[in-house]
Every structure is written in C-alpha cells, then in structure tokens.
Amino acid sequence: KSLAFFDCRSLKSISVAWEAPLKVPDDIFKSVSKTRCTLYVPNGTSNAYKSAKVWNEFQNIEEYPVK
C-alpha cells in the first residue's frame, strides 16, 4: 500500500524475504532515509534489488543467509 512507511524517518533497517523484488508504489518509502536505512535481502538477490525500481534507491543493500 502507498505510504506504508509514512513518517518512518528514523527507520534503520528493512528486511524482506522475497527472492524477487515486489512491485511497490513509488512513494512507499517516501519518508525513509535510503542513505541511512539498510535493506536486507535474501542471499543471492542483491543484484535484482539494486536494479529494481524503488528498491534501487537504497544505498545499503545487504544479503542475509537463507535457511
């Protein structure tokens, strides 16, 4: 949903479990600092997130191991 993270200016990290980036509204992370907030994605998926619209705005994308 659009504006799901509205006014989350102090958010430090977001973890997702999707192996493929979801299509999300352009303004979903409008208030989130994409330079300070780290996006954690499943191992082997960082390139997909780095090239996906909206997700690619995060400057810190790190992978975590999937069990």
PDB file of N, CA and C in Angstrom:
ATOM      1  N   LYS A   1       0.839  -1.178   0.000  1.00  0.00           N
ATOM      2  CA  LYS A   1       0.000   0.000   0.000  1.00  0.00           C
ATOM      3  C   LYS A   1       0.885   1.242   0.000  1.00  0.00           C
ATOM      4  N   SER A   2       0.475   2.258  -0.696  1.00  0.00           N
ATOM      5  CA  SER A   2       1.200   3.506  -0.757  1.00  0.00           C
ATOM      6  C   SER A   2       1.291   4.139   0.631  1.00  0.00           C
ATOM      7  N   LEU A   3       2.430   4.705   0.917  1.00  0.00           N
ATOM      8  CA  LEU A   3       2.698   5.384   2.183  1.00  0.00           C
ATOM      9  C   LEU A   3       2.707   4.440   3.387  1.00  0.00           C
ATOM     10  N   ALA A   4       2.990   3.177   3.177  1.00  0.00           N
ATOM     11  CA  ALA A   4       3.029   2.208   4.270  1.00  0.00           C
ATOM     12  C   ALA A   4       4.083   2.575   5.305  1.00  0.00           C
ATOM     13  N   PHE A   5       5.140   3.241   4.890  1.00  0.00           N
ATOM     14  CA  PHE A   5       6.207   3.629   5.805  1.00  0.00           C
ATOM     15  C   PHE A   5       6.205   5.131   6.037  1.00  0.00           C
ATOM     16  N   PHE A   6       5.039   5.747   5.945  1.00  0.00           N
ATOM     17  CA  PHE A   6       4.910   7.199   6.108  1.00  0.00           C
ATOM     18  C   PHE A   6       5.460   7.644   7.458  1.00  0.00           C
ATOM     19  N   ASP A   7       6.300   8.648   7.433  1.00  0.00           N
ATOM     20  CA  ASP A   7       6.878   9.276   8.624  1.00  0.00           C
ATOM     21  C   ASP A   7       7.799   8.349   9.413  1.00  0.00           C
ATOM     22  N   CYS A   8       8.399   7.368   8.762  1.00  0.00           N
ATOM     23  CA  CYS A   8       9.352   6.452   9.413  1.00  0.00           C
ATOM     24  C   CYS A   8      10.773   6.962   9.175  1.00  0.00           C
ATOM     25  N   ARG A   9      11.016   8.185   9.569  1.00  0.00           N
ATOM     26  CA  ARG A   9      12.302   8.835   9.291  1.00  0.00           C
ATOM     27  C   ARG A   9      13.475   8.203  10.025  1.00  0.00           C
ATOM     28  N   SER A  10      13.234   7.577  11.163  1.00  0.00           N
ATOM     29  CA  SER A  10      14.338   7.005  11.941  1.00  0.00           C
ATOM     30  C   SER A  10      14.512   5.506  11.713  1.00  0.00           C
ATOM     31  N   LEU A  11      13.833   4.969  10.730  1.00  0.00           N
ATOM     32  CA  LEU A  11      13.951   3.546  10.415  1.00  0.00           C
ATOM     33  C   LEU A  11      15.394   3.229  10.021  1.00  0.00           C
ATOM     34  N   LYS A  12      15.967   2.192  10.644  1.00  0.00           N
ATOM     35  CA  LYS A  12      17.371   1.861  10.393  1.00  0.00           C
ATOM     36  C   LYS A  12      17.550   0.667   9.471  1.00  0.00           C
ATOM     37  N   SER A  13      16.538  -0.209   9.398  1.00  0.00           N
ATOM     38  CA  SER A  13      16.666  -1.371   8.513  1.00  0.00           C
ATOM     39  C   SER A  13      15.298  -1.909   8.122  1.00  0.00           C
ATOM     40  N   ILE A  14      15.300  -2.546   6.969  1.00  0.00           N
ATOM     41  CA  ILE A  14      14.116  -3.242   6.455  1.00  0.00           C
ATOM     42  C   ILE A  14      14.612  -4.587   5.952  1.00  0.00           C
ATOM     43  N   SER A  15      13.950  -5.654   6.374  1.00  0.00           N
ATOM     44  CA  SER A  15      14.301  -6.994   5.905  1.00  0.00           C
ATOM     45  C   SER A  15      13.154  -7.549   5.092  1.00  0.00           C
ATOM     46  N   VAL A  16      13.488  -8.108   3.947  1.00  0.00           N
ATOM     47  CA  VAL A  16      12.470  -8.733   3.102  1.00  0.00           C
ATOM     48  C   VAL A  16      12.854 -10.182   2.851  1.00  0.00           C
ATOM     49  N   ALA A  17      11.865 -11.014   2.625  1.00  0.00           N
ATOM     50  CA  ALA A  17      12.112 -12.439   2.379  1.00  0.00           C
ATOM     51  C   ALA A  17      11.855 -12.828   0.926  1.00  0.00           C
ATOM     52  N   TRP A  18      11.398 -11.876   0.122  1.00  0.00           N
ATOM     53  CA  TRP A  18      11.077 -12.175  -1.273  1.00  0.00           C
ATOM     54  C   TRP A  18      12.356 -12.332  -2.087  1.00  0.00           C
ATOM     55  N   GLU A  19      12.433 -13.390  -2.854  1.00  0.00           N
ATOM     56  CA  GLU A  19      13.609 -13.592  -3.693  1.00  0.00           C
ATOM     57  C   GLU A  19      13.583 -12.716  -4.934  1.00  0.00           C
ATOM     58  N   ALA A  20      12.406 -12.265  -5.304  1.00  0.00           N
ATOM     59  CA  ALA A  20      12.266 -11.308  -6.406  1.00  0.00           C
ATOM     60  C   ALA A  20      11.616 -10.052  -5.835  1.00  0.00           C
ATOM     61  N   PRO A  21      12.156  -8.885  -6.159  1.00  0.00           N
ATOM     62  CA  PRO A  21      11.591  -7.651  -5.638  1.00  0.00           C
ATOM     63  C   PRO A  21      10.129  -7.476  -6.048  1.00  0.00           C
ATOM     64  N   LEU A  22       9.309  -7.149  -5.085  1.00  0.00           N
ATOM     65  CA  LEU A  22       7.902  -6.880  -5.386  1.00  0.00           C
ATOM     66  C   LEU A  22       7.774  -5.527  -6.059  1.00  0.00           C
ATOM     67  N   LYS A  23       6.770  -5.381  -6.896  1.00  0.00           N
ATOM     68  CA  LYS A  23       6.467  -4.066  -7.446  1.00  0.00           C
ATOM     69  C   LYS A  23       5.706  -3.312  -6.363  1.00  0.00           C
ATOM     70  N   VAL A  24       6.252  -2.167  -5.980  1.00  0.00           N
ATOM     71  CA  VAL A  24       5.652  -1.360  -4.925  1.00  0.00           C
ATOM     72  C   VAL A  24       5.422   0.058  -5.441  1.00  0.00           C
ATOM     73  N   PRO A  25       4.505   0.796  -4.811  1.00  0.00           N
ATOM     74  CA  PRO A  25       4.263   2.173  -5.241  1.00  0.00           C
ATOM     75  C   PRO A  25       5.528   3.025  -5.102  1.00  0.00           C
ATOM     76  N   ASP A  26       5.676   3.992  -5.969  1.00  0.00           N
ATOM     77  CA  ASP A  26       6.866   4.846  -5.972  1.00  0.00           C
ATOM     78  C   ASP A  26       7.087   5.565  -4.644  1.00  0.00           C
ATOM     79  N   ASP A  27       6.013   5.866  -3.931  1.00  0.00           N
ATOM     80  CA  ASP A  27       6.134   6.664  -2.711  1.00  0.00           C
ATOM     81  C   ASP A  27       6.070   5.845  -1.419  1.00  0.00           C
ATOM     82  N   ILE A  28       6.182   4.534  -1.504  1.00  0.00           N
ATOM     83  CA  ILE A  28       6.043   3.691  -0.319  1.00  0.00           C
ATOM     84  C   ILE A  28       7.103   3.997   0.744  1.00  0.00           C
ATOM     85  N   PHE A  29       8.306   4.357   0.331  1.00  0.00           N
ATOM     86  CA  PHE A  29       9.387   4.660   1.262  1.00  0.00           C
ATOM     87  C   PHE A  29       9.702   6.157   1.280  1.00  0.00           C
ATOM     88  N   LYS A  30       8.717   6.967   1.001  1.00  0.00           N
ATOM     89  CA  LYS A  30       8.905   8.407   0.841  1.00  0.00           C
ATOM     90  C   LYS A  30       9.644   9.054   2.020  1.00  0.00           C
ATOM     91  N   SER A  31       9.290   8.732   3.248  1.00  0.00           N
ATOM     92  CA  SER A  31       9.901   9.360   4.428  1.00  0.00           C
ATOM     93  C   SER A  31      11.137   8.624   4.946  1.00  0.00           C
ATOM     94  N   VAL A  32      11.444   7.479   4.391  1.00  0.00           N
ATOM     95  CA  VAL A  32      12.575   6.675   4.858  1.00  0.00           C
ATOM     96  C   VAL A  32      13.872   7.222   4.251  1.00  0.00           C
ATOM     97  N   SER A  33      14.896   7.372   5.091  1.00  0.00           N
ATOM     98  CA  SER A  33      16.208   7.799   4.601  1.00  0.00           C
ATOM     99  C   SER A  33      16.886   6.605   3.946  1.00  0.00           C
ATOM    100  N   LYS A  34      16.963   6.627   2.645  1.00  0.00           N
ATOM    101  CA  LYS A  34      17.536   5.495   1.919  1.00  0.00           C
ATOM    102  C   LYS A  34      19.057   5.494   1.956  1.00  0.00           C
ATOM    103  N   THR A  35      19.657   6.510   2.567  1.00  0.00           N
ATOM    104  CA  THR A  35      21.105   6.515   2.772  1.00  0.00           C
ATOM    105  C   THR A  35      21.468   5.931   4.131  1.00  0.00           C
ATOM    106  N   ARG A  36      20.569   6.032   5.097  1.00  0.00           N
ATOM    107  CA  ARG A  36      20.838   5.504   6.443  1.00  0.00           C
ATOM    108  C   ARG A  36      20.202   4.150   6.692  1.00  0.00           C
ATOM    109  N   CYS A  37      19.117   3.858   6.029  1.00  0.00           N
ATOM    110  CA  CYS A  37      18.380   2.611   6.241  1.00  0.00           C
ATOM    111  C   CYS A  37      18.991   1.502   5.374  1.00  0.00           C
ATOM    112  N   THR A  38      19.283   0.372   6.004  1.00  0.00           N
ATOM    113  CA  THR A  38      19.839  -0.772   5.275  1.00  0.00           C
ATOM    114  C   THR A  38      18.705  -1.703   4.867  1.00  0.00           C
ATOM    115  N   LEU A  39      18.739  -2.119   3.629  1.00  0.00           N
ATOM    116  CA  LEU A  39      17.768  -3.086   3.110  1.00  0.00           C
ATOM    117  C   LEU A  39      18.434  -4.458   3.117  1.00  0.00           C
ATOM    118  N   TYR A  40      17.868  -5.384   3.889  1.00  0.00           N
ATOM    119  CA  TYR A  40      18.385  -6.755   3.958  1.00  0.00           C
ATOM    120  C   TYR A  40      17.540  -7.648   3.061  1.00  0.00           C
ATOM    121  N   VAL A  41      18.215  -8.359   2.166  1.00  0.00           N
ATOM    122  CA  VAL A  41      17.542  -9.205   1.178  1.00  0.00           C
ATOM    123  C   VAL A  41      18.133 -10.612   1.230  1.00  0.00           C
ATOM    124  N   PRO A  42      17.387 -11.615   0.756  1.00  0.00           N
ATOM    125  CA  PRO A  42      17.906 -12.981   0.773  1.00  0.00           C
ATOM    126  C   PRO A  42      19.216 -13.122  -0.021  1.00  0.00           C
ATOM    127  N   ASN A  43      20.055 -14.031   0.435  1.00  0.00           N
ATOM    128  CA  ASN A  43      21.332 -14.306  -0.212  1.00  0.00           C
ATOM    129  C   ASN A  43      21.143 -14.561  -1.713  1.00  0.00           C
ATOM    130  N   GLY A  44      21.956 -13.909  -2.519  1.00  0.00           N
ATOM    131  CA  GLY A  44      21.911 -14.099  -3.964  1.00  0.00           C
ATOM    132  C   GLY A  44      20.929 -13.206  -4.699  1.00  0.00           C
ATOM    133  N   THR A  45      20.266 -12.280  -3.992  1.00  0.00           N
ATOM    134  CA  THR A  45      19.248 -11.448  -4.645  1.00  0.00           C
ATOM    135  C   THR A  45      19.586  -9.963  -4.694  1.00  0.00           C
ATOM    136  N   SER A  46      20.727  -9.576  -4.164  1.00  0.00           N
ATOM    137  CA  SER A  46      21.032  -8.142  -4.082  1.00  0.00           C
ATOM    138  C   SER A  46      21.074  -7.467  -5.451  1.00  0.00           C
ATOM    139  N   ASN A  47      21.578  -8.139  -6.466  1.00  0.00           N
ATOM    140  CA  ASN A  47      21.622  -7.524  -7.800  1.00  0.00           C
ATOM    141  C   ASN A  47      20.223  -7.244  -8.332  1.00  0.00           C
ATOM    142  N   ALA A  48      19.290  -8.133  -8.062  1.00  0.00           N
ATOM    143  CA  ALA A  48      17.904  -7.915  -8.501  1.00  0.00           C
ATOM    144  C   ALA A  48      17.317  -6.682  -7.813  1.00  0.00           C
ATOM    145  N   TYR A  49      17.587  -6.531  -6.529  1.00  0.00           N
ATOM    146  CA  TYR A  49      17.071  -5.376  -5.788  1.00  0.00           C
ATOM    147  C   TYR A  49      17.777  -4.093  -6.211  1.00  0.00           C
ATOM    148  N   LYS A  50      19.060  -4.175  -6.488  1.00  0.00           N
ATOM    149  CA  LYS A  50      19.807  -2.987  -6.915  1.00  0.00           C
ATOM    150  C   LYS A  50      19.352  -2.470  -8.272  1.00  0.00           C
ATOM    151  N   SER A  51      18.709  -3.328  -9.056  1.00  0.00           N
ATOM    152  CA  SER A  51      18.246  -2.890 -10.371  1.00  0.00           C
ATOM    153  C   SER A  51      16.726  -2.708 -10.446  1.00  0.00           C
ATOM    154  N   ALA A  52      16.028  -2.970  -9.355  1.00  0.00           N
ATOM    155  CA  ALA A  52      14.564  -2.860  -9.350  1.00  0.00           C
ATOM    156  C   ALA A  52      14.115  -1.452  -8.954  1.00  0.00           C
ATOM    157  N   LYS A  53      13.148  -0.958  -9.676  1.00  0.00           N
ATOM    158  CA  LYS A  53      12.586   0.359  -9.397  1.00  0.00           C
ATOM    159  C   LYS A  53      12.156   0.443  -7.934  1.00  0.00           C
ATOM    160  N   VAL A  54      12.375   1.550  -7.312  1.00  0.00           N
ATOM    161  CA  VAL A  54      12.090   1.874  -5.918  1.00  0.00           C
ATOM    162  C   VAL A  54      13.121   1.232  -4.987  1.00  0.00           C
ATOM    163  N   TRP A  55      13.321  -0.071  -5.070  1.00  0.00           N
ATOM    164  CA  TRP A  55      14.282  -0.758  -4.213  1.00  0.00           C
ATOM    165  C   TRP A  55      15.701  -0.260  -4.470  1.00  0.00           C
ATOM    166  N   ASN A  56      15.986   0.115  -5.695  1.00  0.00           N
ATOM    167  CA  ASN A  56      17.337   0.551  -6.046  1.00  0.00           C
ATOM    168  C   ASN A  56      17.703   1.906  -5.435  1.00  0.00           C
ATOM    169  N   GLU A  57      16.759   2.564  -4.800  1.00  0.00           N
ATOM    170  CA  GLU A  57      17.031   3.837  -4.144  1.00  0.00           C
ATOM    171  C   GLU A  57      17.790   3.652  -2.832  1.00  0.00           C
ATOM    172  N   PHE A  58      17.773   2.440  -2.269  1.00  0.00           N
ATOM    173  CA  PHE A  58      18.509   2.165  -1.042  1.00  0.00           C
ATOM    174  C   PHE A  58      19.995   2.067  -1.365  1.00  0.00           C
ATOM    175  N   GLN A  59      20.800   2.827  -0.642  1.00  0.00           N
ATOM    176  CA  GLN A  59      22.239   2.816  -0.900  1.00  0.00           C
ATOM    177  C   GLN A  59      22.937   1.650  -0.224  1.00  0.00           C
ATOM    178  N   ASN A  60      22.325   1.096   0.825  1.00  0.00           N
ATOM    179  CA  ASN A  60      22.910  -0.034   1.544  1.00  0.00           C
ATOM    180  C   ASN A  60      21.990  -1.239   1.417  1.00  0.00           C
ATOM    181  N   ILE A  61      22.356  -2.137   0.529  1.00  0.00           N
ATOM    182  CA  ILE A  61      21.600  -3.372   0.348  1.00  0.00           C
ATOM    183  C   ILE A  61      22.539  -4.526   0.699  1.00  0.00           C
ATOM    184  N   GLU A  62      22.138  -5.279   1.712  1.00  0.00           N
ATOM    185  CA  GLU A  62      22.970  -6.391   2.180  1.00  0.00           C
ATOM    186  C   GLU A  62      22.186  -7.697   2.140  1.00  0.00           C
ATOM    187  N   GLU A  63      22.898  -8.761   1.872  1.00  0.00           N
ATOM    188  CA  GLU A  63      22.266 -10.082   1.806  1.00  0.00           C
ATOM    189  C   GLU A  63      22.389 -10.791   3.149  1.00  0.00           C
ATOM    190  N   TYR A  64      21.389 -11.629   3.442  1.00  0.00           N
ATOM    191  CA  TYR A  64      21.446 -12.478   4.624  1.00  0.00           C
ATOM    192  C   TYR A  64      21.240 -13.919   4.176  1.00  0.00           C
ATOM    193  N   PRO A  65      21.807 -14.876   4.915  1.00  0.00           N
ATOM    194  CA  PRO A  65      21.684 -16.289   4.521  1.00  0.00           C
ATOM    195  C   PRO A  65      20.251 -16.796   4.654  1.00  0.00           C
ATOM    196  N   VAL A  66      19.837 -17.587   3.694  1.00  0.00           N
ATOM    197  CA  VAL A  66      18.507 -18.198   3.703  1.00  0.00           C
ATOM    198  C   VAL A  66      18.676 -19.643   4.149  1.00  0.00           C
ATOM    199  N   LYS A  67      17.824 -20.066   5.049  1.00  0.00           N
ATOM    200  CA  LYS A  67      17.920 -21.444   5.573  1.00  0.00           C
ATOM    201  C   LYS A  67      17.266 -22.422   4.652  1.00  0.00           C
TER     202      LYS A  67
END
